[in-house]
Amino acid sequence: MRTLRYDDIPTPRMWRRDCGRAMGLHGADPLLGRVELLLEEYARDTAGEGLPALVEMYRVLEAGRRRHRTIPAVRALRECVGWRLGRILSCEASRLPYEIETMFGHGAGDVMVARAGGGVRY
């Protein structure tokens, strides 16, 4: 298993390249497609820090953590998103679930999914 690391949130193009073979599963795997949509939303948010997309990305990646642990791009993105959210929310990675729940509630992701046009709920 190769090691991959992102120093910043990747562009959708980088994500597709790094997923490589796993993207062949893209049509059958809603997580990979959902992450790509969220990366596009994050890239379009030039006015802010992309916080809504990052929060939803964190939730989606955590939900698929066990199933996608062998895909280096998924692991690297999960680590990068956690690091970025930790900086924005001024907390350690271990406190992210609590901080996200406190600030955004449990169902906030459903609204973001609908807004981004995704039909997949995690």
PDB file of N, CA and C in Angstrom:
ATOM      1  N   MET A   1       0.851  -1.175   0.000  1.00  0.00           N
ATOM      2  CA  MET A   1       0.000   0.000   0.000  1.00  0.00           C
ATOM      3  C   MET A   1       0.902   1.246   0.000  1.00  0.00           C
ATOM      4  N   ARG A   2       0.743   2.071  -1.009  1.00  0.00           N
ATOM      5  CA  ARG A   2       1.597   3.256  -1.089  1.00  0.00           C
ATOM      6  C   ARG A   2       1.073   4.352  -0.164  1.00  0.00           C
ATOM      7  N   THR A   3       1.975   5.247   0.207  1.00  0.00           N
ATOM      8  CA  THR A   3       1.615   6.350   1.084  1.00  0.00           C
ATOM      9  C   THR A   3       1.391   7.594   0.241  1.00  0.00           C
ATOM     10  N   LEU A   4       0.330   8.312   0.562  1.00  0.00           N
ATOM     11  CA  LEU A   4      -0.003   9.545  -0.133  1.00  0.00           C
ATOM     12  C   LEU A   4      -0.306  10.576   0.932  1.00  0.00           C
ATOM     13  N   ARG A   5       0.116  11.802   0.694  1.00  0.00           N
ATOM     14  CA  ARG A   5      -0.134  12.858   1.661  1.00  0.00           C
ATOM     15  C   ARG A   5      -0.511  14.127   0.915  1.00  0.00           C
ATOM     16  N   TYR A   6      -1.546  14.798   1.422  1.00  0.00           N
ATOM     17  CA  TYR A   6      -1.939  16.099   0.877  1.00  0.00           C
ATOM     18  C   TYR A   6      -1.548  17.179   1.881  1.00  0.00           C
ATOM     19  N   ASP A   7      -0.879  18.222   1.386  1.00  0.00           N
ATOM     20  CA  ASP A   7      -0.552  19.361   2.238  1.00  0.00           C
ATOM     21  C   ASP A   7      -1.699  20.360   2.284  1.00  0.00           C
ATOM     22  N   ASP A   8      -2.582  20.275   1.316  1.00  0.00           N
ATOM     23  CA  ASP A   8      -3.778  21.116   1.278  1.00  0.00           C
ATOM     24  C   ASP A   8      -4.870  20.313   0.581  1.00  0.00           C
ATOM     25  N   ILE A   9      -6.106  20.794   0.675  1.00  0.00           N
ATOM     26  CA  ILE A   9      -7.226  20.103   0.067  1.00  0.00           C
ATOM     27  C   ILE A   9      -6.971  20.014  -1.448  1.00  0.00           C
ATOM     28  N   PRO A  10      -7.023  18.820  -2.030  1.00  0.00           N
ATOM     29  CA  PRO A  10      -6.719  18.682  -3.452  1.00  0.00           C
ATOM     30  C   PRO A  10      -7.849  19.210  -4.336  1.00  0.00           C
ATOM     31  N   THR A  11      -7.504  19.521  -5.552  1.00  0.00           N
ATOM     32  CA  THR A  11      -8.507  19.902  -6.535  1.00  0.00           C
ATOM     33  C   THR A  11      -9.239  18.624  -6.968  1.00  0.00           C
ATOM     34  N   PRO A  12     -10.438  18.772  -7.541  1.00  0.00           N
ATOM     35  CA  PRO A  12     -11.120  17.581  -8.047  1.00  0.00           C
ATOM     36  C   PRO A  12     -10.270  16.803  -9.062  1.00  0.00           C
ATOM     37  N   ARG A  13      -9.513  17.504  -9.859  1.00  0.00           N
ATOM     38  CA  ARG A  13      -8.652  16.851 -10.856  1.00  0.00           C
ATOM     39  C   ARG A  13      -7.564  16.016 -10.179  1.00  0.00           C
ATOM     40  N   MET A  14      -6.927  16.569  -9.142  1.00  0.00           N
ATOM     41  CA  MET A  14      -5.915  15.827  -8.391  1.00  0.00           C
ATOM     42  C   MET A  14      -6.537  14.588  -7.739  1.00  0.00           C
ATOM     43  N   TRP A  15      -7.748  14.776  -7.193  1.00  0.00           N
ATOM     44  CA  TRP A  15      -8.446  13.667  -6.537  1.00  0.00           C
ATOM     45  C   TRP A  15      -8.692  12.512  -7.516  1.00  0.00           C
ATOM     46  N   ARG A  16      -9.172  12.850  -8.716  1.00  0.00           N
ATOM     47  CA  ARG A  16      -9.426  11.817  -9.726  1.00  0.00           C
ATOM     48  C   ARG A  16      -8.128  11.108 -10.108  1.00  0.00           C
ATOM     49  N   ARG A  17      -7.065  11.876 -10.276  1.00  0.00           N
ATOM     50  CA  ARG A  17      -5.765  11.291 -10.636  1.00  0.00           C
ATOM     51  C   ARG A  17      -5.263  10.374  -9.529  1.00  0.00           C
ATOM     52  N   ASP A  18      -5.360  10.819  -8.291  1.00  0.00           N
ATOM     53  CA  ASP A  18      -4.837  10.045  -7.175  1.00  0.00           C
ATOM     54  C   ASP A  18      -5.679   8.813  -6.858  1.00  0.00           C
ATOM     55  N   CYS A  19      -6.957   8.879  -7.141  1.00  0.00           N
ATOM     56  CA  CYS A  19      -7.809   7.703  -6.925  1.00  0.00           C
ATOM     57  C   CYS A  19      -7.513   6.630  -7.957  1.00  0.00           C
ATOM     58  N   GLY A  20      -7.089   7.040  -9.139  1.00  0.00           N
ATOM     59  CA  GLY A  20      -6.674   6.107 -10.183  1.00  0.00           C
ATOM     60  C   GLY A  20      -7.644   4.967 -10.407  1.00  0.00           C
ATOM     61  N   ARG A  21      -7.204   3.760 -10.103  1.00  0.00           N
ATOM     62  CA  ARG A  21      -7.993   2.554 -10.334  1.00  0.00           C
ATOM     63  C   ARG A  21      -9.298   2.559  -9.553  1.00  0.00           C
ATOM     64  N   ALA A  22      -9.286   3.123  -8.358  1.00  0.00           N
ATOM     65  CA  ALA A  22     -10.499   3.135  -7.529  1.00  0.00           C
ATOM     66  C   ALA A  22     -11.611   3.928  -8.200  1.00  0.00           C
ATOM     67  N   MET A  23     -11.252   4.901  -9.041  1.00  0.00           N
ATOM     68  CA  MET A  23     -12.283   5.697  -9.707  1.00  0.00           C
ATOM     69  C   MET A  23     -13.067   4.866 -10.713  1.00  0.00           C
ATOM     70  N   GLY A  24     -12.550   3.705 -11.111  1.00  0.00           N
ATOM     71  CA  GLY A  24     -13.322   2.804 -11.948  1.00  0.00           C
ATOM     72  C   GLY A  24     -14.569   2.331 -11.218  1.00  0.00           C
ATOM     73  N   LEU A  25     -14.510   2.363  -9.896  1.00  0.00           N
ATOM     74  CA  LEU A  25     -15.648   2.002  -9.058  1.00  0.00           C
ATOM     75  C   LEU A  25     -16.580   3.186  -8.839  1.00  0.00           C
ATOM     76  N   HIS A  26     -16.189   4.326  -9.359  1.00  0.00           N
ATOM     77  CA  HIS A  26     -16.893   5.579  -9.109  1.00  0.00           C
ATOM     78  C   HIS A  26     -18.400   5.481  -9.293  1.00  0.00           C
ATOM     79  N   GLY A  27     -18.838   4.865 -10.385  1.00  0.00           N
ATOM     80  CA  GLY A  27     -20.268   4.740 -10.643  1.00  0.00           C
ATOM     81  C   GLY A  27     -20.961   3.865  -9.621  1.00  0.00           C
ATOM     82  N   ALA A  28     -20.256   2.857  -9.117  1.00  0.00           N
ATOM     83  CA  ALA A  28     -20.844   1.929  -8.157  1.00  0.00           C
ATOM     84  C   ALA A  28     -20.595   2.352  -6.722  1.00  0.00           C
ATOM     85  N   ASP A  29     -19.707   3.304  -6.502  1.00  0.00           N
ATOM     86  CA  ASP A  29     -19.354   3.711  -5.147  1.00  0.00           C
ATOM     87  C   ASP A  29     -19.764   5.155  -4.892  1.00  0.00           C
ATOM     88  N   PRO A  30     -20.844   5.342  -4.149  1.00  0.00           N
ATOM     89  CA  PRO A  30     -21.335   6.699  -3.917  1.00  0.00           C
ATOM     90  C   PRO A  30     -20.376   7.575  -3.116  1.00  0.00           C
ATOM     91  N   LEU A  31     -19.537   6.989  -2.266  1.00  0.00           N
ATOM     92  CA  LEU A  31     -18.620   7.805  -1.468  1.00  0.00           C
ATOM     93  C   LEU A  31     -17.640   8.556  -2.356  1.00  0.00           C
ATOM     94  N   LEU A  32     -17.027   7.861  -3.321  1.00  0.00           N
ATOM     95  CA  LEU A  32     -16.041   8.513  -4.177  1.00  0.00           C
ATOM     96  C   LEU A  32     -16.673   9.631  -5.006  1.00  0.00           C
ATOM     97  N   GLY A  33     -17.854   9.390  -5.522  1.00  0.00           N
ATOM     98  CA  GLY A  33     -18.555  10.426  -6.277  1.00  0.00           C
ATOM     99  C   GLY A  33     -18.964  11.594  -5.410  1.00  0.00           C
ATOM    100  N   ARG A  34     -19.424  11.315  -4.196  1.00  0.00           N
ATOM    101  CA  ARG A  34     -19.844  12.378  -3.271  1.00  0.00           C
ATOM    102  C   ARG A  34     -18.656  13.247  -2.879  1.00  0.00           C
ATOM    103  N   VAL A  35     -17.523  12.621  -2.622  1.00  0.00           N
ATOM    104  CA  VAL A  35     -16.321  13.374  -2.266  1.00  0.00           C
ATOM    105  C   VAL A  35     -15.908  14.279  -3.422  1.00  0.00           C
ATOM    106  N   GLU A  36     -15.993  13.770  -4.637  1.00  0.00           N
ATOM    107  CA  GLU A  36     -15.639  14.593  -5.798  1.00  0.00           C
ATOM    108  C   GLU A  36     -16.550  15.824  -5.896  1.00  0.00           C
ATOM    109  N   LEU A  37     -17.853  15.640  -5.688  1.00  0.00           N
ATOM    110  CA  LEU A  37     -18.780  16.785  -5.697  1.00  0.00           C
ATOM    111  C   LEU A  37     -18.438  17.793  -4.607  1.00  0.00           C
ATOM    112  N   LEU A  38     -18.086  17.309  -3.439  1.00  0.00           N
ATOM    113  CA  LEU A  38     -17.736  18.211  -2.333  1.00  0.00           C
ATOM    114  C   LEU A  38     -16.425  18.937  -2.607  1.00  0.00           C
ATOM    115  N   LEU A  39     -15.486  18.280  -3.264  1.00  0.00           N
ATOM    116  CA  LEU A  39     -14.239  18.952  -3.641  1.00  0.00           C
ATOM    117  C   LEU A  39     -14.514  20.063  -4.644  1.00  0.00           C
ATOM    118  N   GLU A  40     -15.439  19.819  -5.557  1.00  0.00           N
ATOM    119  CA  GLU A  40     -15.825  20.860  -6.513  1.00  0.00           C
ATOM    120  C   GLU A  40     -16.482  22.030  -5.792  1.00  0.00           C
ATOM    121  N   GLU A  41     -17.350  21.733  -4.838  1.00  0.00           N
ATOM    122  CA  GLU A  41     -17.994  22.791  -4.056  1.00  0.00           C
ATOM    123  C   GLU A  41     -16.957  23.571  -3.261  1.00  0.00           C
ATOM    124  N   TYR A  42     -16.013  22.874  -2.663  1.00  0.00           N
ATOM    125  CA  TYR A  42     -14.946  23.522  -1.902  1.00  0.00           C
ATOM    126  C   TYR A  42     -14.129  24.446  -2.807  1.00  0.00           C
ATOM    127  N   ALA A  43     -13.806  23.986  -4.003  1.00  0.00           N
ATOM    128  CA  ALA A  43     -13.007  24.780  -4.944  1.00  0.00           C
ATOM    129  C   ALA A  43     -13.756  26.043  -5.390  1.00  0.00           C
ATOM    130  N   ARG A  44     -15.094  25.974  -5.473  1.00  0.00           N
ATOM    131  CA  ARG A  44     -15.884  27.140  -5.895  1.00  0.00           C
ATOM    132  C   ARG A  44     -16.018  28.184  -4.786  1.00  0.00           C
ATOM    133  N   ASP A  45     -15.816  27.812  -3.531  1.00  0.00           N
ATOM    134  CA  ASP A  45     -15.996  28.727  -2.409  1.00  0.00           C
ATOM    135  C   ASP A  45     -14.755  29.609  -2.258  1.00  0.00           C
ATOM    136  N   THR A  46     -14.672  30.645  -3.086  1.00  0.00           N
ATOM    137  CA  THR A  46     -13.505  31.525  -3.055  1.00  0.00           C
ATOM    138  C   THR A  46     -13.635  32.618  -1.998  1.00  0.00           C
ATOM    139  N   ALA A  47     -14.850  32.876  -1.529  1.00  0.00           N
ATOM    140  CA  ALA A  47     -15.070  33.936  -0.550  1.00  0.00           C
ATOM    141  C   ALA A  47     -14.770  33.480   0.873  1.00  0.00           C
ATOM    142  N   GLY A  48     -14.973  32.218   1.156  1.00  0.00           N
ATOM    143  CA  GLY A  48     -14.788  31.719   2.513  1.00  0.00           C
ATOM    144  C   GLY A  48     -13.727  30.645   2.576  1.00  0.00           C
ATOM    145  N   GLU A  49     -13.780  29.876   3.641  1.00  0.00           N
ATOM    146  CA  GLU A  49     -12.817  28.800   3.826  1.00  0.00           C
ATOM    147  C   GLU A  49     -13.372  27.457   3.372  1.00  0.00           C
ATOM    148  N   GLY A  50     -14.552  27.452   2.775  1.00  0.00           N
ATOM    149  CA  GLY A  50     -15.151  26.208   2.327  1.00  0.00           C
ATOM    150  C   GLY A  50     -15.633  25.344   3.472  1.00  0.00           C
ATOM    151  N   LEU A  51     -15.962  25.982   4.590  1.00  0.00           N
ATOM    152  CA  LEU A  51     -16.319  25.241   5.792  1.00  0.00           C
ATOM    153  C   LEU A  51     -17.483  24.270   5.607  1.00  0.00           C
ATOM    154  N   PRO A  52     -18.602  24.661   4.978  1.00  0.00           N
ATOM    155  CA  PRO A  52     -19.692  23.685   4.811  1.00  0.00           C
ATOM    156  C   PRO A  52     -19.256  22.443   4.033  1.00  0.00           C
ATOM    157  N   ALA A  53     -18.491  22.634   2.974  1.00  0.00           N
ATOM    158  CA  ALA A  53     -18.017  21.495   2.179  1.00  0.00           C
ATOM    159  C   ALA A  53     -17.032  20.648   2.981  1.00  0.00           C
ATOM    160  N   LEU A  54     -16.165  21.283   3.766  1.00  0.00           N
ATOM    161  CA  LEU A  54     -15.206  20.542   4.582  1.00  0.00           C
ATOM    162  C   LEU A  54     -15.906  19.707   5.647  1.00  0.00           C
ATOM    163  N   VAL A  55     -16.911  20.291   6.292  1.00  0.00           N
ATOM    164  CA  VAL A  55     -17.645  19.568   7.333  1.00  0.00           C
ATOM    165  C   VAL A  55     -18.336  18.352   6.734  1.00  0.00           C
ATOM    166  N   GLU A  56     -18.989  18.540   5.603  1.00  0.00           N
ATOM    167  CA  GLU A  56     -19.674  17.427   4.970  1.00  0.00           C
ATOM    168  C   GLU A  56     -18.671  16.387   4.473  1.00  0.00           C
ATOM    169  N   MET A  57     -17.534  16.833   3.936  1.00  0.00           N
ATOM    170  CA  MET A  57     -16.499  15.916   3.484  1.00  0.00           C
ATOM    171  C   MET A  57     -15.991  15.080   4.658  1.00  0.00           C
ATOM    172  N   TYR A  58     -15.785  15.741   5.795  1.00  0.00           N
ATOM    173  CA  TYR A  58     -15.339  15.033   6.999  1.00  0.00           C
ATOM    174  C   TYR A  58     -16.339  13.951   7.378  1.00  0.00           C
ATOM    175  N   ARG A  59     -17.619  14.296   7.380  1.00  0.00           N
ATOM    176  CA  ARG A  59     -18.652  13.329   7.749  1.00  0.00           C
ATOM    177  C   ARG A  59     -18.708  12.152   6.770  1.00  0.00           C
ATOM    178  N   VAL A  60     -18.629  12.444   5.486  1.00  0.00           N
ATOM    179  CA  VAL A  60     -18.686  11.385   4.476  1.00  0.00           C
ATOM    180  C   VAL A  60     -17.463  10.479   4.585  1.00  0.00           C
ATOM    181  N   LEU A  61     -16.281  11.076   4.737  1.00  0.00           N
ATOM    182  CA  LEU A  61     -15.061  10.287   4.829  1.00  0.00           C
ATOM    183  C   LEU A  61     -15.029   9.442   6.101  1.00  0.00           C
ATOM    184  N   GLU A  62     -15.528   9.984   7.190  1.00  0.00           N
ATOM    185  CA  GLU A  62     -15.588   9.214   8.431  1.00  0.00           C
ATOM    186  C   GLU A  62     -16.580   8.065   8.306  1.00  0.00           C
ATOM    187  N   ALA A  63     -17.694   8.295   7.636  1.00  0.00           N
ATOM    188  CA  ALA A  63     -18.695   7.248   7.457  1.00  0.00           C
ATOM    189  C   ALA A  63     -18.144   6.098   6.617  1.00  0.00           C
ATOM    190  N   GLY A  64     -17.285   6.401   5.666  1.00  0.00           N
ATOM    191  CA  GLY A  64     -16.709   5.376   4.802  1.00  0.00           C
ATOM    192  C   GLY A  64     -15.313   4.949   5.209  1.00  0.00           C
ATOM    193  N   ARG A  65     -14.902   5.355   6.395  1.00  0.00           N
ATOM    194  CA  ARG A  65     -13.534   5.120   6.845  1.00  0.00           C
ATOM    195  C   ARG A  65     -13.131   3.644   6.791  1.00  0.00           C
ATOM    196  N   ARG A  66     -13.934   2.798   7.306  1.00  0.00           N
ATOM    197  CA  ARG A  66     -13.590   1.377   7.373  1.00  0.00           C
ATOM    198  C   ARG A  66     -13.606   0.732   5.979  1.00  0.00           C
ATOM    199  N   ARG A  67     -14.602   1.073   5.198  1.00  0.00           N
ATOM    200  CA  ARG A  67     -14.775   0.456   3.876  1.00  0.00           C
ATOM    201  C   ARG A  67     -13.683   0.871   2.886  1.00  0.00           C
ATOM    202  N   HIS A  68     -13.178   2.099   3.020  1.00  0.00           N
ATOM    203  CA  HIS A  68     -12.229   2.643   2.042  1.00  0.00           C
ATOM    204  C   HIS A  68     -10.819   2.808   2.601  1.00  0.00           C
ATOM    205  N   ARG A  69     -10.489   2.079   3.638  1.00  0.00           N
ATOM    206  CA  ARG A  69      -9.190   2.253   4.293  1.00  0.00           C
ATOM    207  C   ARG A  69      -8.007   1.856   3.411  1.00  0.00           C
ATOM    208  N   THR A  70      -8.242   1.077   2.366  1.00  0.00           N
ATOM    209  CA  THR A  70      -7.144   0.638   1.506  1.00  0.00           C
ATOM    210  C   THR A  70      -6.865   1.593   0.344  1.00  0.00           C
ATOM    211  N   ILE A  71      -7.683   2.611   0.172  1.00  0.00           N
ATOM    212  CA  ILE A  71      -7.468   3.565  -0.918  1.00  0.00           C
ATOM    213  C   ILE A  71      -6.630   4.734  -0.378  1.00  0.00           C
ATOM    214  N   PRO A  72      -5.369   4.853  -0.808  1.00  0.00           N
ATOM    215  CA  PRO A  72      -4.489   5.882  -0.270  1.00  0.00           C
ATOM    216  C   PRO A  72      -5.047   7.302  -0.388  1.00  0.00           C
ATOM    217  N   ALA A  73      -5.696   7.622  -1.501  1.00  0.00           N
ATOM    218  CA  ALA A  73      -6.233   8.982  -1.684  1.00  0.00           C
ATOM    219  C   ALA A  73      -7.323   9.292  -0.656  1.00  0.00           C
ATOM    220  N   VAL A  74      -8.130   8.301  -0.310  1.00  0.00           N
ATOM    221  CA  VAL A  74      -9.195   8.511   0.686  1.00  0.00           C
ATOM    222  C   VAL A  74      -8.573   8.749   2.054  1.00  0.00           C
ATOM    223  N   ARG A  75      -7.583   7.937   2.417  1.00  0.00           N
ATOM    224  CA  ARG A  75      -6.907   8.123   3.713  1.00  0.00           C
ATOM    225  C   ARG A  75      -6.232   9.482   3.784  1.00  0.00           C
ATOM    226  N   ALA A  76      -5.523   9.849   2.720  1.00  0.00           N
ATOM    227  CA  ALA A  76      -4.810  11.128   2.714  1.00  0.00           C
ATOM    228  C   ALA A  76      -5.776  12.306   2.791  1.00  0.00           C
ATOM    229  N   LEU A  77      -6.886  12.219   2.078  1.00  0.00           N
ATOM    230  CA  LEU A  77      -7.867  13.303   2.108  1.00  0.00           C
ATOM    231  C   LEU A  77      -8.513  13.405   3.485  1.00  0.00           C
ATOM    232  N   ARG A  78      -8.821  12.258   4.100  1.00  0.00           N
ATOM    233  CA  ARG A  78      -9.418  12.277   5.432  1.00  0.00           C
ATOM    234  C   ARG A  78      -8.483  12.968   6.433  1.00  0.00           C
ATOM    235  N   GLU A  79      -7.201  12.653   6.366  1.00  0.00           N
ATOM    236  CA  GLU A  79      -6.223  13.291   7.254  1.00  0.00           C
ATOM    237  C   GLU A  79      -6.124  14.788   6.985  1.00  0.00           C
ATOM    238  N   CYS A  80      -6.098  15.165   5.710  1.00  0.00           N
ATOM    239  CA  CYS A  80      -5.975  16.577   5.342  1.00  0.00           C
ATOM    240  C   CYS A  80      -7.205  17.373   5.763  1.00  0.00           C
ATOM    241  N   VAL A  81      -8.394  16.813   5.545  1.00  0.00           N
ATOM    242  CA  VAL A  81      -9.632  17.491   5.931  1.00  0.00           C
ATOM    243  C   VAL A  81      -9.669  17.656   7.448  1.00  0.00           C
ATOM    244  N   GLY A  82      -9.280  16.614   8.183  1.00  0.00           N
ATOM    245  CA  GLY A  82      -9.234  16.703   9.647  1.00  0.00           C
ATOM    246  C   GLY A  82      -8.275  17.781  10.114  1.00  0.00           C
ATOM    247  N   TRP A  83      -7.106  17.831   9.499  1.00  0.00           N
ATOM    248  CA  TRP A  83      -6.111  18.849   9.863  1.00  0.00           C
ATOM    249  C   TRP A  83      -6.648  20.256   9.577  1.00  0.00           C
ATOM    250  N   ARG A  84      -7.232  20.418   8.393  1.00  0.00           N
ATOM    251  CA  ARG A  84      -7.760  21.739   7.989  1.00  0.00           C
ATOM    252  C   ARG A  84      -8.889  22.186   8.909  1.00  0.00           C
ATOM    253  N   LEU A  85      -9.829  21.284   9.208  1.00  0.00           N
ATOM    254  CA  LEU A  85     -10.931  21.628  10.114  1.00  0.00           C
ATOM    255  C   LEU A  85     -10.416  21.939  11.514  1.00  0.00           C
ATOM    256  N   GLY A  86      -9.418  21.187  11.963  1.00  0.00           N
ATOM    257  CA  GLY A  86      -8.813  21.454  13.272  1.00  0.00           C
ATOM    258  C   GLY A  86      -8.244  22.865  13.350  1.00  0.00           C
ATOM    259  N   ARG A  87      -7.621  23.316  12.258  1.00  0.00           N
ATOM    260  CA  ARG A  87      -7.072  24.689  12.231  1.00  0.00           C
ATOM    261  C   ARG A  87      -8.187  25.723  12.227  1.00  0.00           C
ATOM    262  N   ILE A  88      -9.225  25.494  11.411  1.00  0.00           N
ATOM    263  CA  ILE A  88     -10.326  26.453  11.314  1.00  0.00           C
ATOM    264  C   ILE A  88     -11.098  26.538  12.625  1.00  0.00           C
ATOM    265  N   LEU A  89     -11.369  25.380  13.237  1.00  0.00           N
ATOM    266  CA  LEU A  89     -12.171  25.340  14.463  1.00  0.00           C
ATOM    267  C   LEU A  89     -11.334  25.439  15.735  1.00  0.00           C
ATOM    268  N   SER A  90     -10.029  25.559  15.579  1.00  0.00           N
ATOM    269  CA  SER A  90      -9.093  25.673  16.703  1.00  0.00           C
ATOM    270  C   SER A  90      -9.267  24.538  17.714  1.00  0.00           C
ATOM    271  N   CYS A  91      -9.167  23.328  17.214  1.00  0.00           N
ATOM    272  CA  CYS A  91      -9.266  22.178  18.109  1.00  0.00           C
ATOM    273  C   CYS A  91      -8.401  21.038  17.581  1.00  0.00           C
ATOM    274  N   GLU A  92      -8.166  20.060  18.439  1.00  0.00           N
ATOM    275  CA  GLU A  92      -7.404  18.887  18.040  1.00  0.00           C
ATOM    276  C   GLU A  92      -8.306  17.923  17.283  1.00  0.00           C
ATOM    277  N   ALA A  93      -7.700  17.037  16.529  1.00  0.00           N
ATOM    278  CA  ALA A  93      -8.457  16.086  15.714  1.00  0.00           C
ATOM    279  C   ALA A  93      -9.406  15.234  16.555  1.00  0.00           C
ATOM    280  N   SER A  94      -8.996  14.904  17.762  1.00  0.00           N
ATOM    281  CA  SER A  94      -9.847  14.070  18.619  1.00  0.00           C
ATOM    282  C   SER A  94     -11.140  14.774  19.035  1.00  0.00           C
ATOM    283  N   ARG A  95     -11.153  16.104  18.994  1.00  0.00           N
ATOM    284  CA  ARG A  95     -12.341  16.872  19.384  1.00  0.00           C
ATOM    285  C   ARG A  95     -13.215  17.270  18.194  1.00  0.00           C
ATOM    286  N   LEU A  96     -12.781  16.967  16.986  1.00  0.00           N
ATOM    287  CA  LEU A  96     -13.544  17.366  15.799  1.00  0.00           C
ATOM    288  C   LEU A  96     -14.985  16.859  15.797  1.00  0.00           C
ATOM    289  N   PRO A  97     -15.233  15.586  16.081  1.00  0.00           N
ATOM    290  CA  PRO A  97     -16.637  15.143  16.063  1.00  0.00           C
ATOM    291  C   PRO A  97     -17.516  15.961  17.024  1.00  0.00           C
ATOM    292  N   TYR A  98     -17.012  16.249  18.214  1.00  0.00           N
ATOM    293  CA  TYR A  98     -17.768  17.032  19.188  1.00  0.00           C
ATOM    294  C   TYR A  98     -17.987  18.460  18.689  1.00  0.00           C
ATOM    295  N   GLU A  99     -16.942  19.096  18.195  1.00  0.00           N
ATOM    296  CA  GLU A  99     -17.036  20.479  17.722  1.00  0.00           C
ATOM    297  C   GLU A  99     -18.000  20.595  16.535  1.00  0.00           C
ATOM    298  N   ILE A 100     -17.930  19.660  15.625  1.00  0.00           N
ATOM    299  CA  ILE A 100     -18.812  19.682  14.457  1.00  0.00           C
ATOM    300  C   ILE A 100     -20.256  19.490  14.887  1.00  0.00           C
ATOM    301  N   GLU A 101     -20.480  18.530  15.789  1.00  0.00           N
ATOM    302  CA  GLU A 101     -21.833  18.283  16.291  1.00  0.00           C
ATOM    303  C   GLU A 101     -22.373  19.513  17.002  1.00  0.00           C
ATOM    304  N   THR A 102     -21.546  20.153  17.806  1.00  0.00           N
ATOM    305  CA  THR A 102     -21.955  21.342  18.559  1.00  0.00           C
ATOM    306  C   THR A 102     -22.270  22.510  17.632  1.00  0.00           C
ATOM    307  N   MET A 103     -21.420  22.745  16.639  1.00  0.00           N
ATOM    308  CA  MET A 103     -21.582  23.906  15.766  1.00  0.00           C
ATOM    309  C   MET A 103     -22.615  23.702  14.660  1.00  0.00           C
ATOM    310  N   PHE A 104     -22.681  22.482  14.127  1.00  0.00           N
ATOM    311  CA  PHE A 104     -23.505  22.252  12.939  1.00  0.00           C
ATOM    312  C   PHE A 104     -24.664  21.293  13.164  1.00  0.00           C
ATOM    313  N   GLY A 105     -24.671  20.607  14.288  1.00  0.00           N
ATOM    314  CA  GLY A 105     -25.738  19.653  14.551  1.00  0.00           C
ATOM    315  C   GLY A 105     -25.540  18.392  13.745  1.00  0.00           C
ATOM    316  N   HIS A 106     -26.366  17.415  14.019  1.00  0.00           N
ATOM    317  CA  HIS A 106     -26.208  16.120  13.358  1.00  0.00           C
ATOM    318  C   HIS A 106     -26.773  16.117  11.944  1.00  0.00           C
ATOM    319  N   GLY A 107     -27.866  16.794  11.701  1.00  0.00           N
ATOM    320  CA  GLY A 107     -28.535  16.732  10.404  1.00  0.00           C
ATOM    321  C   GLY A 107     -28.111  17.778   9.409  1.00  0.00           C
ATOM    322  N   ALA A 108     -27.142  18.616   9.741  1.00  0.00           N
ATOM    323  CA  ALA A 108     -26.745  19.693   8.829  1.00  0.00           C
ATOM    324  C   ALA A 108     -26.243  19.151   7.500  1.00  0.00           C
ATOM    325  N   GLY A 109     -25.665  17.963   7.505  1.00  0.00           N
ATOM    326  CA  GLY A 109     -25.142  17.377   6.272  1.00  0.00           C
ATOM    327  C   GLY A 109     -26.230  17.112   5.248  1.00  0.00           C
ATOM    328  N   ASP A 110     -27.443  16.786   5.719  1.00  0.00           N
ATOM    329  CA  ASP A 110     -28.547  16.533   4.794  1.00  0.00           C
ATOM    330  C   ASP A 110     -28.848  17.768   3.960  1.00  0.00           C
ATOM    331  N   VAL A 111     -28.766  18.937   4.574  1.00  0.00           N
ATOM    332  CA  VAL A 111     -29.023  20.189   3.869  1.00  0.00           C
ATOM    333  C   VAL A 111     -27.930  20.433   2.842  1.00  0.00           C
ATOM    334  N   MET A 112     -26.684  20.191   3.227  1.00  0.00           N
ATOM    335  CA  MET A 112     -25.571  20.413   2.315  1.00  0.00           C
ATOM    336  C   MET A 112     -25.613  19.438   1.150  1.00  0.00           C
ATOM    337  N   VAL A 113     -26.022  18.207   1.406  1.00  0.00           N
ATOM    338  CA  VAL A 113     -26.128  17.219   0.332  1.00  0.00           C
ATOM    339  C   VAL A 113     -27.169  17.678  -0.678  1.00  0.00           C
ATOM    340  N   ALA A 114     -28.313  18.123  -0.189  1.00  0.00           N
ATOM    341  CA  ALA A 114     -29.385  18.578  -1.073  1.00  0.00           C
ATOM    342  C   ALA A 114     -28.941  19.814  -1.869  1.00  0.00           C
ATOM    343  N   ARG A 115     -28.236  20.722  -1.193  1.00  0.00           N
ATOM    344  CA  ARG A 115     -27.803  21.943  -1.865  1.00  0.00           C
ATOM    345  C   ARG A 115     -26.795  21.633  -2.968  1.00  0.00           C
ATOM    346  N   ALA A 116     -25.938  20.652  -2.734  1.00  0.00           N
ATOM    347  CA  ALA A 116     -24.893  20.316  -3.715  1.00  0.00           C
ATOM    348  C   ALA A 116     -25.436  19.424  -4.822  1.00  0.00           C
ATOM    349  N   GLY A 117     -26.675  18.997  -4.686  1.00  0.00           N
ATOM    350  CA  GLY A 117     -27.272  18.181  -5.734  1.00  0.00           C
ATOM    351  C   GLY A 117     -26.993  16.706  -5.595  1.00  0.00           C
ATOM    352  N   GLY A 118     -26.401  16.303  -4.485  1.00  0.00           N
ATOM    353  CA  GLY A 118     -26.138  14.873  -4.270  1.00  0.00           C
ATOM    354  C   GLY A 118     -27.352  14.183  -3.715  1.00  0.00           C
ATOM    355  N   GLY A 119     -27.519  12.947  -4.064  1.00  0.00           N
ATOM    356  CA  GLY A 119     -28.664  12.197  -3.576  1.00  0.00           C
ATOM    357  C   GLY A 119     -28.285  11.156  -2.549  1.00  0.00           C
ATOM    358  N   VAL A 120     -27.027  11.141  -2.121  1.00  0.00           N
ATOM    359  CA  VAL A 120     -26.554  10.108  -1.211  1.00  0.00           C
ATOM    360  C   VAL A 120     -26.480  10.657   0.197  1.00  0.00           C
ATOM    361  N   ARG A 121     -27.063   9.930   1.127  1.00  0.00           N
ATOM    362  CA  ARG A 121     -26.980  10.306   2.539  1.00  0.00           C
ATOM    363  C   ARG A 121     -26.109   9.297   3.255  1.00  0.00           C
ATOM    364  N   TYR A 122     -25.247   9.772   4.136  1.00  0.00           N
ATOM    365  CA  TYR A 122     -24.396   8.875   4.935  1.00  0.00           C
ATOM    366  C   TYR A 122     -24.772   9.010   6.372  1.00  0.00           C
TER     367      TYR A 122
END
